[in-house]
Each structure stands twice: as C-alpha cells, then as structure tokens.
C-alpha atoms as a PDB file:
ATOM      1  CA  MET A   1     -18.611   7.211   9.790  1.00  0.00           C
ATOM      2  CA  ILE A   2     -15.139   5.829   9.060  1.00  0.00           C
ATOM      3  CA  TYR A   3     -15.281   2.047   8.677  1.00  0.00           C
ATOM      4  CA  LYS A   4     -11.703   1.631   7.461  1.00  0.00           C
ATOM      5  CA  SER A   5      -8.779   3.990   7.961  1.00  0.00           C
ATOM      6  CA  ARG A   6      -5.679   4.247   5.815  1.00  0.00           C
ATOM      7  CA  SER A   7      -2.334   2.804   6.874  1.00  0.00           C
ATOM      8  CA  VAL A   8       1.197   3.137   5.521  1.00  0.00           C
ATOM      9  CA  PRO A   9       1.613   0.702   2.601  1.00  0.00           C
ATOM     10  CA  LEU A  10       3.660  -2.285   3.692  1.00  0.00           C
ATOM     11  CA  GLU A  11       5.410  -2.209   0.331  1.00  0.00           C
ATOM     12  CA  ILE A  12       7.247   0.956   1.415  1.00  0.00           C
ATOM     13  CA  ASP A  13       8.838  -0.908   4.340  1.00  0.00           C
ATOM     14  CA  GLY A  14       9.693  -3.797   2.053  1.00  0.00           C
ATOM     15  CA  LEU A  15      11.355  -1.595  -0.551  1.00  0.00           C
ATOM     16  CA  ILE A  16      13.339   0.320   2.082  1.00  0.00           C
ATOM     17  CA  THR A  17      14.497  -3.047   3.429  1.00  0.00           C
ATOM     18  CA  LEU A  18      15.564  -4.206  -0.027  1.00  0.00           C
ATOM     19  CA  GLU A  19      17.317  -0.912  -0.771  1.00  0.00           C
ATOM     20  CA  ARG A  20      19.612  -1.242   2.238  1.00  0.00           C
ATOM     21  CA  ARG A  21      20.393  -4.907   1.521  1.00  0.00           C
ATOM     22  CA  ILE A  22      21.719  -4.451  -2.007  1.00  0.00           C
ATOM     23  CA  ALA A  23      25.019  -2.938  -3.106  1.00  0.00           C
ATOM     24  CA  GLN A  24      25.309   0.817  -3.587  1.00  0.00           C
ATOM     25  CA  ASP A  25      26.072   0.318  -7.276  1.00  0.00           C
ATOM     26  CA  HIS A  26      23.333  -2.246  -7.954  1.00  0.00           C
ATOM     27  CA  PRO A  27      21.537  -1.445 -11.250  1.00  0.00           C
ATOM     28  CA  ILE A  28      18.028  -1.602  -9.733  1.00  0.00           C
ATOM     29  CA  ARG A  29      18.827   0.770  -6.882  1.00  0.00           C
ATOM     30  CA  SER A  30      17.587   3.874  -8.728  1.00  0.00           C
ATOM     31  CA  ASP A  31      14.332   2.099  -9.668  1.00  0.00           C
ATOM     32  CA  ILE A  32      13.721   1.161  -6.049  1.00  0.00           C
ATOM     33  CA  ALA A  33      14.477   4.691  -4.827  1.00  0.00           C
ATOM     34  CA  ARG A  34      12.071   6.122  -7.406  1.00  0.00           C
ATOM     35  CA  ARG A  35       9.351   3.651  -6.393  1.00  0.00           C
ATOM     36  CA  ILE A  36       9.791   4.522  -2.702  1.00  0.00           C
ATOM     37  CA  TYR A  37       9.595   8.243  -3.483  1.00  0.00           C
ATOM     38  CA  ASN A  38       6.439   7.832  -5.588  1.00  0.00           C
ATOM     39  CA  MET A  39       4.737   5.615  -3.012  1.00  0.00           C
ATOM     40  CA  LYS A  40       5.516   8.018  -0.163  1.00  0.00           C
ATOM     41  CA  ALA A  41       4.241  10.934  -2.237  1.00  0.00           C
ATOM     42  CA  GLY A  42       1.071   9.028  -3.095  1.00  0.00           C
ATOM     43  CA  TYR A  43       0.463   8.123   0.538  1.00  0.00           C
ATOM     44  CA  SER A  44       1.055  11.735   1.576  1.00  0.00           C
ATOM     45  CA  GLY A  45      -1.562  12.902  -0.923  1.00  0.00           C
ATOM     46  CA  GLU A  46      -4.045  10.304   0.283  1.00  0.00           C
ATOM     47  CA  ARG A  47      -3.525  11.331   3.907  1.00  0.00           C
ATOM     48  CA  GLN A  48      -4.166  14.924   2.908  1.00  0.00           C
ATOM     49  CA  TYR A  49      -7.431  13.777   1.308  1.00  0.00           C
ATOM     50  CA  ASP A  50      -8.345  11.970   4.541  1.00  0.00           C
ATOM     51  CA  ARG A  51      -7.866  15.138   6.588  1.00  0.00           C
ATOM     52  CA  TYR A  52     -10.171  17.139   4.345  1.00  0.00           C
ATOM     53  CA  ILE A  53     -12.880  14.497   4.096  1.00  0.00           C
ATOM     54  CA  SER A  54     -13.024  14.366   7.909  1.00  0.00           C
ATOM     55  CA  GLU A  55     -14.911  17.670   7.636  1.00  0.00           C
ATOM     56  CA  PHE A  56     -17.707  15.883   5.753  1.00  0.00           C
ATOM     57  CA  LYS A  57     -20.395  15.154   8.344  1.00  0.00           C
ATOM     58  CA  PRO A  58     -23.749  14.724   6.558  1.00  0.00           C
ATOM     59  CA  SER A  59     -27.077  14.300   8.305  1.00  0.00           C
ATOM     60  CA  TYR A  60     -27.845  11.101   6.388  1.00  0.00           C
ATOM     61  CA  PRO A  61     -26.349   7.675   7.194  1.00  0.00           C
ATOM     62  CA  HIS A  62     -23.106   6.951   5.356  1.00  0.00           C
ATOM     63  CA  ALA A  63     -19.904   4.915   5.439  1.00  0.00           C
ATOM     64  CA  ILE A  64     -16.361   5.921   4.461  1.00  0.00           C
ATOM     65  CA  MET A  65     -13.551   3.462   3.724  1.00  0.00           C
ATOM     66  CA  HIS A  66      -9.993   4.338   2.767  1.00  0.00           C
ATOM     67  CA  ASP A  67      -7.542   2.151   0.835  1.00  0.00           C
ATOM     68  CA  VAL A  68      -9.820  -0.779   0.034  1.00  0.00           C
ATOM     69  CA  CYS A  69      -8.382  -3.632  -2.022  1.00  0.00           C
ATOM     70  CA  LEU A  70     -10.859  -6.195  -3.333  1.00  0.00           C
ATOM     71  CA  LYS A  71     -10.443  -9.316  -5.422  1.00  0.00           C
ATOM     72  CA  LEU A  72     -12.715 -10.332  -8.292  1.00  0.00           C
ATOM     73  CA  ASP A  73     -12.036 -13.578 -10.158  1.00  0.00           C
ATOM     74  CA  GLY A  74      -8.317 -13.349  -9.408  1.00  0.00           C
ATOM     75  CA  ILE A  75      -8.119  -9.634 -10.254  1.00  0.00           C
ATOM     76  CA  TYR A  76      -7.152  -7.177  -7.527  1.00  0.00           C
ATOM     77  CA  PHE A  77      -8.463  -3.628  -7.625  1.00  0.00           C
ATOM     78  CA  GLN A  78      -7.572  -0.944  -5.122  1.00  0.00           C
ATOM     79  CA  ILE A  79      -9.878   1.966  -4.298  1.00  0.00           C
ATOM     80  CA  ASP A  80      -8.276   5.039  -2.730  1.00  0.00           C
ATOM     81  CA  SER A  81     -11.470   6.079  -0.930  1.00  0.00           C
ATOM     82  CA  LEU A  82     -15.061   4.904  -1.046  1.00  0.00           C
ATOM     83  CA  LEU A  83     -18.202   6.602   0.243  1.00  0.00           C
ATOM     84  CA  ILE A  84     -21.546   4.827   0.619  1.00  0.00           C
ATOM     85  CA  THR A  85     -24.618   7.100   0.778  1.00  0.00           C
ATOM     86  CA  PRO A  86     -28.319   6.174   0.802  1.00  0.00           C
ATOM     87  CA  SER A  87     -28.573   6.680  -2.980  1.00  0.00           C
ATOM     88  CA  LYS A  88     -25.132   5.960  -4.438  1.00  0.00           C
ATOM     89  CA  ILE A  89     -21.513   4.957  -3.952  1.00  0.00           C
ATOM     90  CA  VAL A  90     -18.782   7.476  -4.727  1.00  0.00           C
ATOM     91  CA  ILE A  91     -15.210   6.382  -5.482  1.00  0.00           C
ATOM     92  CA  SER A  92     -12.344   8.867  -5.183  1.00  0.00           C
ATOM     93  CA  GLU A  93      -9.131   8.422  -7.162  1.00  0.00           C
ATOM     94  CA  VAL A  94      -6.454  10.480  -5.381  1.00  0.00           C
ATOM     95  CA  LYS A  95      -3.417  11.798  -7.265  1.00  0.00           C
ATOM     96  CA  ASN A  96      -0.411  13.560  -5.776  1.00  0.00           C
ATOM     97  CA  LEU A  97       1.100  15.483  -8.700  1.00  0.00           C
ATOM     98  CA  ALA A  98       2.732  18.879  -8.334  1.00  0.00           C
ATOM     99  CA  GLU A  99       3.098  19.766 -12.018  1.00  0.00           C
ATOM    100  CA  LYS A 100       0.711  21.556 -14.342  1.00  0.00           C
ATOM    101  CA  ILE A 101      -1.822  19.026 -15.650  1.00  0.00           C
ATOM    102  CA  ILE A 102      -3.153  19.193 -19.196  1.00  0.00           C
ATOM    103  CA  VAL A 103      -6.212  17.068 -19.933  1.00  0.00           C
ATOM    104  CA  LYS A 104      -6.975  16.094 -23.507  1.00  0.00           C
ATOM    105  CA  THR A 105     -10.245  14.348 -24.279  1.00  0.00           C
ATOM    106  CA  LYS A 106     -10.006  13.163 -27.893  1.00  0.00           C
ATOM    107  CA  PRO A 107      -8.356  10.814 -27.217  1.00  0.00           C
ATOM    108  CA  LEU A 108      -8.398  10.962 -23.426  1.00  0.00           C
ATOM    109  CA  GLN A 109      -4.884  11.834 -22.266  1.00  0.00           C
ATOM    110  CA  PHE A 110      -3.241  13.367 -19.198  1.00  0.00           C
ATOM    111  CA  ILE A 111       0.022  15.266 -19.556  1.00  0.00           C
ATOM    112  CA  LYS A 112       2.345  16.658 -16.869  1.00  0.00           C
ATOM    113  CA  GLU A 113       4.135  19.887 -17.763  1.00  0.00           C
ATOM    114  CA  THR A 114       7.214  20.822 -15.733  1.00  0.00           C
ATOM    115  CA  PRO A 115       8.158  24.466 -14.973  1.00  0.00           C
ATOM    116  CA  ASN A 116      10.726  24.367 -17.797  1.00  0.00           C
ATOM    117  CA  GLY A 117       8.071  23.328 -20.315  1.00  0.00           C
ATOM    118  CA  GLU A 118       8.844  19.613 -20.618  1.00  0.00           C
ATOM    119  CA  ARG A 119       5.777  17.431 -21.106  1.00  0.00           C
ATOM    120  CA  PHE A 120       5.270  13.836 -19.993  1.00  0.00           C
ATOM    121  CA  PRO A 121       2.088  11.812 -20.583  1.00  0.00           C
ATOM    122  CA  PHE A 122       0.949   9.636 -17.697  1.00  0.00           C
ATOM    123  CA  ARG A 123      -1.700   7.011 -17.178  1.00  0.00           C
ATOM    124  CA  SER A 124      -5.169   8.493 -17.181  1.00  0.00           C
ATOM    125  CA  PRO A 125      -6.711   8.487 -13.692  1.00  0.00           C
ATOM    126  CA  ILE A 126     -10.121   8.577 -15.383  1.00  0.00           C
ATOM    127  CA  THR A 127      -9.362   5.292 -17.119  1.00  0.00           C
ATOM    128  CA  GLU A 128      -8.221   3.838 -13.791  1.00  0.00           C
ATOM    129  CA  LEU A 129     -11.408   5.115 -12.176  1.00  0.00           C
ATOM    130  CA  ASP A 130     -13.609   3.587 -14.893  1.00  0.00           C
ATOM    131  CA  ARG A 131     -11.928   0.219 -14.374  1.00  0.00           C
ATOM    132  CA  LYS A 132     -12.520   0.308 -10.632  1.00  0.00           C
ATOM    133  CA  ILE A 133     -16.152   1.366 -11.014  1.00  0.00           C
ATOM    134  CA  HIS A 134     -16.735  -1.520 -13.415  1.00  0.00           C
ATOM    135  CA  LEU A 135     -15.033  -4.078 -11.168  1.00  0.00           C
ATOM    136  CA  LEU A 136     -16.830  -2.846  -8.058  1.00  0.00           C
ATOM    137  CA  ARG A 137     -20.164  -2.980  -9.879  1.00  0.00           C
ATOM    138  CA  VAL A 138     -19.541  -6.611 -10.860  1.00  0.00           C
ATOM    139  CA  TRP A 139     -18.272  -7.416  -7.346  1.00  0.00           C
ATOM    140  CA  LEU A 140     -21.464  -5.986  -5.824  1.00  0.00           C
ATOM    141  CA  SER A 141     -23.698  -7.739  -8.365  1.00  0.00           C
ATOM    142  CA  GLN A 142     -22.367 -11.081  -7.142  1.00  0.00           C
ATOM    143  CA  MET A 143     -23.964 -10.210  -3.802  1.00  0.00           C
ATOM    144  CA  GLN A 144     -27.190  -9.115  -5.553  1.00  0.00           C
ATOM    145  CA  ILE A 145     -26.500  -5.475  -4.746  1.00  0.00           C
ATOM    146  CA  ASP A 146     -27.394  -2.930  -7.409  1.00  0.00           C
ATOM    147  CA  VAL A 147     -26.614   0.683  -6.534  1.00  0.00           C
ATOM    148  CA  PRO A 148     -25.348   3.552  -8.729  1.00  0.00           C
ATOM    149  CA  ILE A 149     -21.589   4.138  -8.591  1.00  0.00           C
ATOM    150  CA  GLU A 150     -19.942   7.456  -9.410  1.00  0.00           C
ATOM    151  CA  GLY A 151     -16.316   8.529  -9.403  1.00  0.00           C
ATOM    152  CA  ILE A 152     -14.205  11.649  -9.005  1.00  0.00           C
ATOM    153  CA  VAL A 153     -10.501  12.412  -9.369  1.00  0.00           C
ATOM    154  CA  THR A 154      -8.868  14.579  -6.738  1.00  0.00           C
ATOM    155  CA  PHE A 155      -5.449  16.252  -6.896  1.00  0.00           C
ATOM    156  CA  ALA A 156      -3.545  16.748  -3.654  1.00  0.00           C
ATOM    157  CA  TYR A 157      -1.653  19.777  -4.954  1.00  0.00           C
ATOM    158  CA  ASN A 158      -3.225  23.024  -6.080  1.00  0.00           C
ATOM    159  CA  ASN A 159      -2.165  22.239  -9.637  1.00  0.00           C
ATOM    160  CA  GLU A 160      -2.855  24.345 -12.658  1.00  0.00           C
ATOM    161  CA  LEU A 161      -5.416  22.312 -14.604  1.00  0.00           C
ATOM    162  CA  GLN A 162      -5.889  22.943 -18.303  1.00  0.00           C
ATOM    163  CA  PHE A 163      -8.813  21.299 -20.117  1.00  0.00           C
ATOM    164  CA  GLU A 164      -9.260  21.061 -23.857  1.00  0.00           C
ATOM    165  CA  GLU A 165     -12.877  20.029 -23.244  1.00  0.00           C
ATOM    166  CA  THR A 166     -14.962  19.182 -20.205  1.00  0.00           C
ATOM    167  CA  PRO A 167     -13.737  15.774 -18.912  1.00  0.00           C
ATOM    168  CA  PRO A 168     -16.238  12.914 -18.469  1.00  0.00           C
ATOM    169  CA  VAL A 169     -15.851  12.932 -14.654  1.00  0.00           C
ATOM    170  CA  ASP A 170     -15.281  15.680 -12.090  1.00  0.00           C
ATOM    171  CA  LEU A 171     -11.681  16.649 -11.345  1.00  0.00           C
ATOM    172  CA  ILE A 172     -11.215  18.597  -8.115  1.00  0.00           C
ATOM    173  CA  PHE A 173      -8.569  19.461  -5.522  1.00  0.00           C
ATOM    174  CA  THR A 174      -8.517  17.539  -2.256  1.00  0.00           C
ATOM    175  CA  TYR A 175      -9.292  20.650  -0.212  1.00  0.00           C
ATOM    176  CA  GLU A 176     -12.628  20.791  -2.076  1.00  0.00           C
ATOM    177  CA  ILE A 177     -13.716  17.242  -1.238  1.00  0.00           C
ATOM    178  CA  ALA A 178     -15.869  18.032   1.822  1.00  0.00           C
ATOM    179  CA  ALA A 179     -17.756  20.806  -0.007  1.00  0.00           C
ATOM    180  CA  TYR A 180     -18.097  18.622  -3.111  1.00  0.00           C
ATOM    181  CA  LEU A 181     -19.630  15.757  -1.127  1.00  0.00           C
ATOM    182  CA  ARG A 182     -21.927  18.088   0.816  1.00  0.00           C
ATOM    183  CA  ASN A 183     -23.412  19.139  -2.525  1.00  0.00           C
ATOM    184  CA  LEU A 184     -24.158  15.574  -3.612  1.00  0.00           C
ATOM    185  CA  LYS A 185     -27.779  15.052  -4.597  1.00  0.00           C
ATOM    186  CA  ILE A 186     -29.301  12.277  -2.537  1.00  0.00           C
ATOM    187  CA  GLU A 187     -32.226  11.685  -4.848  1.00  0.00           C
ATOM    188  CA  ARG A 188     -33.782   8.558  -3.349  1.00  0.00           C
ATOM    189  CA  ASP A 189     -33.008   6.267  -0.457  1.00  0.00           C
ATOM    190  CA  MET A 190     -31.962   2.947  -1.946  1.00  0.00           C
ATOM    191  CA  LEU A 191     -29.950   1.987   1.143  1.00  0.00           C
ATOM    192  CA  ASN A 192     -31.046   2.534   4.733  1.00  0.00           C
ATOM    193  CA  ARG A 193     -28.747   2.867   7.735  1.00  0.00           C
ATOM    194  CA  GLN A 194     -28.705  -0.858   8.465  1.00  0.00           C
ATOM    195  CA  THR A 195     -28.018  -1.801   4.840  1.00  0.00           C
ATOM    196  CA  ILE A 196     -25.166   0.710   4.606  1.00  0.00           C
ATOM    197  CA  HIS A 197     -23.693  -0.679   7.819  1.00  0.00           C
ATOM    198  CA  LYS A 198     -23.883  -4.268   6.541  1.00  0.00           C
ATOM    199  CA  LEU A 199     -22.448  -3.390   3.131  1.00  0.00           C
ATOM    200  CA  ALA A 200     -19.559  -1.429   4.660  1.00  0.00           C
ATOM    201  CA  ASN A 201     -18.712  -4.350   6.941  1.00  0.00           C
ATOM    202  CA  LYS A 202     -18.832  -6.759   3.988  1.00  0.00           C
ATOM    203  CA  ILE A 203     -16.405  -4.600   2.046  1.00  0.00           C
ATOM    204  CA  VAL A 204     -14.034  -4.265   4.996  1.00  0.00           C
ATOM    205  CA  SER A 205     -14.175  -8.037   5.610  1.00  0.00           C
ATOM    206  CA  ALA A 206     -13.449  -8.694   1.930  1.00  0.00           C
ATOM    207  CA  HIS A 207     -10.473  -6.321   1.928  1.00  0.00           C
ATOM    208  CA  ARG A 208      -7.462  -8.261   0.652  1.00  0.00           C
ATOM    209  CA  PRO A 209      -4.360  -6.080   0.432  1.00  0.00           C
ATOM    210  CA  PHE A 210      -2.243  -6.857  -2.595  1.00  0.00           C
ATOM    211  CA  ASN A 211       0.875  -8.758  -1.537  1.00  0.00           C
ATOM    212  CA  PRO A 212       3.941  -7.506  -3.462  1.00  0.00           C
ATOM    213  CA  PHE A 213       6.299  -9.916  -1.734  1.00  0.00           C
ATOM    214  CA  PRO A 214       8.759 -11.551  -2.150  1.00  0.00           C
ATOM    215  CA  LEU A 215      10.658  -8.762  -3.844  1.00  0.00           C
ATOM    216  CA  VAL A 216      13.377 -11.030  -5.269  1.00  0.00           C
ATOM    217  CA  GLU A 217      10.798 -12.324  -7.752  1.00  0.00           C
ATOM    218  CA  ARG A 218       9.660  -8.873  -8.829  1.00  0.00           C
ATOM    219  CA  TYR A 219      13.203  -7.670  -9.449  1.00  0.00           C
ATOM    220  CA  SER A 220      14.615 -11.035 -10.605  1.00  0.00           C
ATOM    221  CA  LEU A 221      17.301 -11.052  -7.909  1.00  0.00           C
ATOM    222  CA  GLN A 222      19.551 -13.883  -6.821  1.00  0.00           C
ATOM    223  CA  GLN A 223      20.096 -14.679  -3.150  1.00  0.00           C
ATOM    224  CA  SER A 224      23.767 -13.799  -3.588  1.00  0.00           C
ATOM    225  CA  GLU A 225      22.751 -10.199  -4.351  1.00  0.00           C
ATOM    226  CA  ILE A 226      21.064  -9.780  -0.955  1.00  0.00           C
ATOM    227  CA  MET A 227      23.451  -8.739   1.821  1.00  0.00           C
ATOM    228  CA  PRO A 228      23.081 -10.802   5.026  1.00  0.00           C
ATOM    229  CA  GLY A 229      23.260  -9.556   8.593  1.00  0.00           C
ATOM    230  CA  VAL A 230      21.120  -8.025  11.315  1.00  0.00           C
ATOM    231  CA  HIS A 231      20.456  -4.292  11.235  1.00  0.00           C
ATOM    232  CA  CYS A 232      21.483  -2.168  14.165  1.00  0.00           C
ATOM    233  CA  PRO A 233      18.585   0.119  15.180  1.00  0.00           C
ATOM    234  CA  SER A 234      21.089   2.702  16.396  1.00  0.00           C
ATOM    235  CA  CYS A 235      23.468   3.139  13.446  1.00  0.00           C
ATOM    236  CA  ASN A 236      21.339   1.366  10.797  1.00  0.00           C
ATOM    237  CA  GLN A 237      24.153  -0.896   9.625  1.00  0.00           C
ATOM    238  CA  LEU A 238      24.169  -4.670   9.087  1.00  0.00           C
ATOM    239  CA  THR A 239      26.613  -5.039  11.951  1.00  0.00           C
ATOM    240  CA  MET A 240      24.761  -6.807  14.781  1.00  0.00           C
ATOM    241  CA  ARG A 241      26.319 -10.119  15.947  1.00  0.00           C
ATOM    242  CA  TRP A 242      25.034 -12.604  18.527  1.00  0.00           C
ATOM    243  CA  MET A 243      27.440 -12.525  21.498  1.00  0.00           C
ATOM    244  CA  ASN A 244      26.896 -13.685  25.080  1.00  0.00           C
ATOM    245  CA  ARG A 245      23.156 -14.267  24.551  1.00  0.00           C
ATOM    246  CA  LYS A 246      22.509 -10.825  23.094  1.00  0.00           C
ATOM    247  CA  TRP A 247      22.968  -8.885  19.868  1.00  0.00           C
ATOM    248  CA  LYS A 248      25.877  -6.448  19.792  1.00  0.00           C
ATOM    249  CA  CYS A 249      26.708  -3.903  17.109  1.00  0.00           C
ATOM    250  CA  LEU A 250      30.329  -4.129  15.984  1.00  0.00           C
ATOM    251  CA  ILE A 251      30.356  -0.408  15.150  1.00  0.00           C
ATOM    252  CA  CYS A 252      28.440   1.480  17.856  1.00  0.00           C
ATOM    253  CA  ASN A 253      28.252  -1.289  20.530  1.00  0.00           C
ATOM    254  CA  HIS A 254      24.455  -1.106  20.740  1.00  0.00           C
ATOM    255  CA  LEU A 255      23.077  -4.098  22.660  1.00  0.00           C
ATOM    256  CA  GLY A 256      19.722  -5.804  22.161  1.00  0.00           C
ATOM    257  CA  ARG A 257      17.878  -9.110  22.355  1.00  0.00           C
ATOM    258  CA  SER A 258      15.166  -8.952  19.682  1.00  0.00           C
ATOM    259  CA  GLU A 259      16.840  -7.470  16.592  1.00  0.00           C
ATOM    260  CA  HIS A 260      16.636 -10.850  14.840  1.00  0.00           C
ATOM    261  CA  GLN A 261      12.844 -10.530  14.769  1.00  0.00           C
ATOM    262  CA  ASN A 262      13.096  -7.611  12.361  1.00  0.00           C
ATOM    263  CA  ALA A 263      15.595  -9.590  10.287  1.00  0.00           C
ATOM    264  CA  VAL A 264      13.020 -12.372   9.892  1.00  0.00           C
ATOM    265  CA  ARG A 265      10.428  -9.799   8.863  1.00  0.00           C
ATOM    266  CA  GLU A 266      12.877  -8.503   6.243  1.00  0.00           C
ATOM    267  CA  TRP A 267      13.448 -12.067   5.016  1.00  0.00           C
ATOM    268  CA  PHE A 268       9.731 -12.448   4.327  1.00  0.00           C
ATOM    269  CA  PHE A 269       9.678  -9.111   2.488  1.00  0.00           C
ATOM    270  CA  ILE A 270      12.597 -10.000   0.267  1.00  0.00           C
ATOM    271  CA  ASN A 271      12.966 -13.758  -0.120  1.00  0.00           C
ATOM    272  CA  LYS A 272       9.937 -15.983   0.501  1.00  0.00           C
ATOM    273  CA  ASN A 273       7.126 -16.664   2.982  1.00  0.00           C
ATOM    274  CA  THR A 274       8.929 -19.472   4.836  1.00  0.00           C
ATOM    275  CA  ILE A 275      12.344 -19.720   6.502  1.00  0.00           C
ATOM    276  CA  THR A 276      14.400 -22.692   7.665  1.00  0.00           C
ATOM    277  CA  ASN A 277      16.911 -22.855  10.481  1.00  0.00           C
ATOM    278  CA  GLN A 278      19.740 -22.940   7.945  1.00  0.00           C
ATOM    279  CA  GLU A 279      18.345 -19.978   5.979  1.00  0.00           C
ATOM    280  CA  PHE A 280      17.937 -18.005   9.201  1.00  0.00           C
ATOM    281  CA  ARG A 281      21.547 -18.700  10.200  1.00  0.00           C
ATOM    282  CA  LYS A 282      22.894 -17.680   6.825  1.00  0.00           C
ATOM    283  CA  PHE A 283      20.751 -14.518   6.731  1.00  0.00           C
ATOM    284  CA  THR A 284      21.653 -13.391  10.269  1.00  0.00           C
ATOM    285  CA  LEU A 285      25.274 -14.668  10.207  1.00  0.00           C
ATOM    286  CA  LEU A 286      24.694 -17.092  13.084  1.00  0.00           C
ATOM    287  CA  ASP A 287      26.908 -20.174  13.468  1.00  0.00           C
ATOM    288  CA  ASN A 288      24.989 -22.340  15.917  1.00  0.00           C
ATOM    289  CA  ARG A 289      21.792 -24.114  14.826  1.00  0.00           C
ATOM    290  CA  HIS A 290      20.651 -24.546  18.447  1.00  0.00           C
ATOM    291  CA  THR A 291      20.924 -20.790  19.005  1.00  0.00           C
ATOM    292  CA  ALA A 292      18.973 -20.250  15.793  1.00  0.00           C
ATOM    293  CA  GLN A 293      16.289 -22.680  16.952  1.00  0.00           C
ATOM    294  CA  TYR A 294      16.051 -20.889  20.307  1.00  0.00           C
ATOM    295  CA  LEU A 295      15.716 -17.453  18.652  1.00  0.00           C
ATOM    296  CA  LEU A 296      13.160 -18.612  16.071  1.00  0.00           C
ATOM    297  CA  ALA A 297      11.061 -20.332  18.748  1.00  0.00           C
ATOM    298  CA  GLY A 298      10.876 -17.038  20.652  1.00  0.00           C
ATOM    299  CA  ILE A 299       9.178 -15.142  17.830  1.00  0.00           C
ATOM    300  CA  PRO A 300       5.423 -15.197  18.645  1.00  0.00           C
ATOM    301  CA  GLN A 301       4.283 -14.718  15.040  1.00  0.00           C
ATOM    302  CA  LEU A 302       6.154 -17.783  13.763  1.00  0.00           C
ATOM    303  CA  GLN A 303       4.857 -21.331  13.569  1.00  0.00           C
ATOM    304  CA  MET A 304       7.120 -24.327  13.081  1.00  0.00           C
ATOM    305  CA  VAL A 305       5.988 -26.796  10.428  1.00  0.00           C
ATOM    306  CA  GLY A 306       7.382 -30.310  10.204  1.00  0.00           C
ATOM    307  CA  LYS A 307      10.145 -31.985  12.161  1.00  0.00           C
ATOM    308  CA  SER A 308      13.886 -32.491  11.965  1.00  0.00           C
ATOM    309  CA  LYS A 309      15.706 -31.471   8.765  1.00  0.00           C
ATOM    310  CA  GLY A 310      12.514 -30.903   6.800  1.00  0.00           C
ATOM    311  CA  SER A 311      11.086 -28.351   9.228  1.00  0.00           C
ATOM    312  CA  PHE A 312      10.555 -24.678   8.443  1.00  0.00           C
ATOM    313  CA  TYR A 313       8.850 -21.638   9.925  1.00  0.00           C
ATOM    314  CA  LYS A 314       6.016 -19.497   8.601  1.00  0.00           C
ATOM    315  CA  ILE A 315       3.949 -16.555   9.822  1.00  0.00           C
ATOM    316  CA  THR A 316       0.765 -17.589  11.617  1.00  0.00           C
END
C-alpha cells in the first residue's frame, strides 16, 4: 500500500523562477541550468522507479513511501523510497545516470565513463545509502522501534555496470525492482499489519521536506540582481502591468486578475519568507500602496502581521 506518493520537487520551480529573473549573462546562470537539468533527470528516474514498484503486490502487509525527508537532531536526510515489511525495512537509493558505471571497492568508488572514454568519479550512492540507514535506525530507536534495515541502489537507465569486486549492497536496474522485492525473504514477523500501519503514518507525519529557500542566500545574490515585474502566463515575459483594475501584458495584451499571486510565490522562493507592502510594490512595479494592500489582502494563503508601517505578510 502506498502511504506517500512522490511529487515534483518544489526546488525545481524555485530555480526556474530564479533563472528567468536574472540577466542572461549572469555568472550563476549556467550553474542554475545544470541544477535544474540534474533535478529533473533525478525526478524522472524516481518516477520510473515508482511505475515499476507499482507491480509489487505481496500477500503480506506492507507500506511504501516515496520521497521521505526526516529530521534527526537538526540533520535532514531524504529517502528516495522506503518499504516496510513484517520483518524488515528496505531503503532504495535511485540514480538516474545514463553512462557506463564502474564500481571500485578498495576504496569504494563510483566512476562514470562517457562514450568517448572520459571518466568522472561521482559520490558513492552506497555511502549515501549507509548514511541514511544509520540515521533512520537512530530515528526509529528514539521511538523504541528496533527493526532490521537494508538498502539497495537502483539505476533508472539500463547502464553497463562494471564491478571490480562484488559491492557490499545490491545494485539493480529499476525495471527489476518488483521482481527483486518479490524475492525478499520474510524470515519472521516482527511487525504486524497494525504496527506497520502505525509506523508508516508516523513516518509520513514526521516528513519535513528540506526548504532550499530563499535562493538569494544560497547563491549570495543582491536584490539589485533580481529583475522585478509580473510574469505574463501567455508570453512568459516580465511585462504585466496593473491597469484599470486588471493585469495587462505590454507585449501580447494578455489580461488577467491574479498574476500577482504567482509573483508573491516567486518572491518567497527567491528573497525571504515575508513581504511588505513596499517590497511587493517594488517587486511587481506597482505605484499605489492602496492597490498593493488590496491585492495582497486578496491572496488567501497570506496573513498580515502587525499594523501600519511595521506590518508585513507571511504564508499561513
């Protein structure tokens, strides 16, 4: 049973927002584009994993959770997929890499080899998996839960895998995941149906997605580097202006009434988790503070804090 599904990482939306609000020649633009590409590829691989694991329908009680982010003593750890069975928990680390993968074991090292023979080492998914198993074990122990935890690494592409020696954990392709899990040995029932249900709900309730915002802090940006304006949903330019109680695009003449709501969402992605009337006006190129107050008051997700000049808005 699926207790938690996977959703598109919010960071992708935030990075796309930042990319279109900085100059074409900005030095961080290539870094942002690369991050967006890698995150989309990773999400695509994880979704492929989800499709294959949907074929796993065991006779015993179980719980499946995708994209779980937990917090332990201030440390966040994200688990791509987690399966609870009556005798163990299985964590899957999903990788979306198209190149040939060479696995060295002494010392443990993963290397990507491109078609032209270039080699690039990358962070070991086994090391990442070990860290998550350890943190999850400690997290569970704080709730007096002691159950064996295993891990596997799955590759979304049908890569060529080359091993110097047998790796310490199983490495498989995502299309094999259902068959792999069907062959799991359920040696003894440590968790019954009710316990699995309660544990799965505890994990889902404890899910705390890592917040990468505001992006100006991550990339050390100044407010002057962020282009103001309201995006037109038709031509995707920062060319919407408030005219005659509606937003109008100066390029394609698209008309709308709620485009400022997305601008506020973009503000929270990029700048900070509060916004004042003055900041809203500057960001959306509005002149009138009463108009700004009217538009901000009409956004259901916003709550006004304080009064007069010291007031600001935050997400409820």
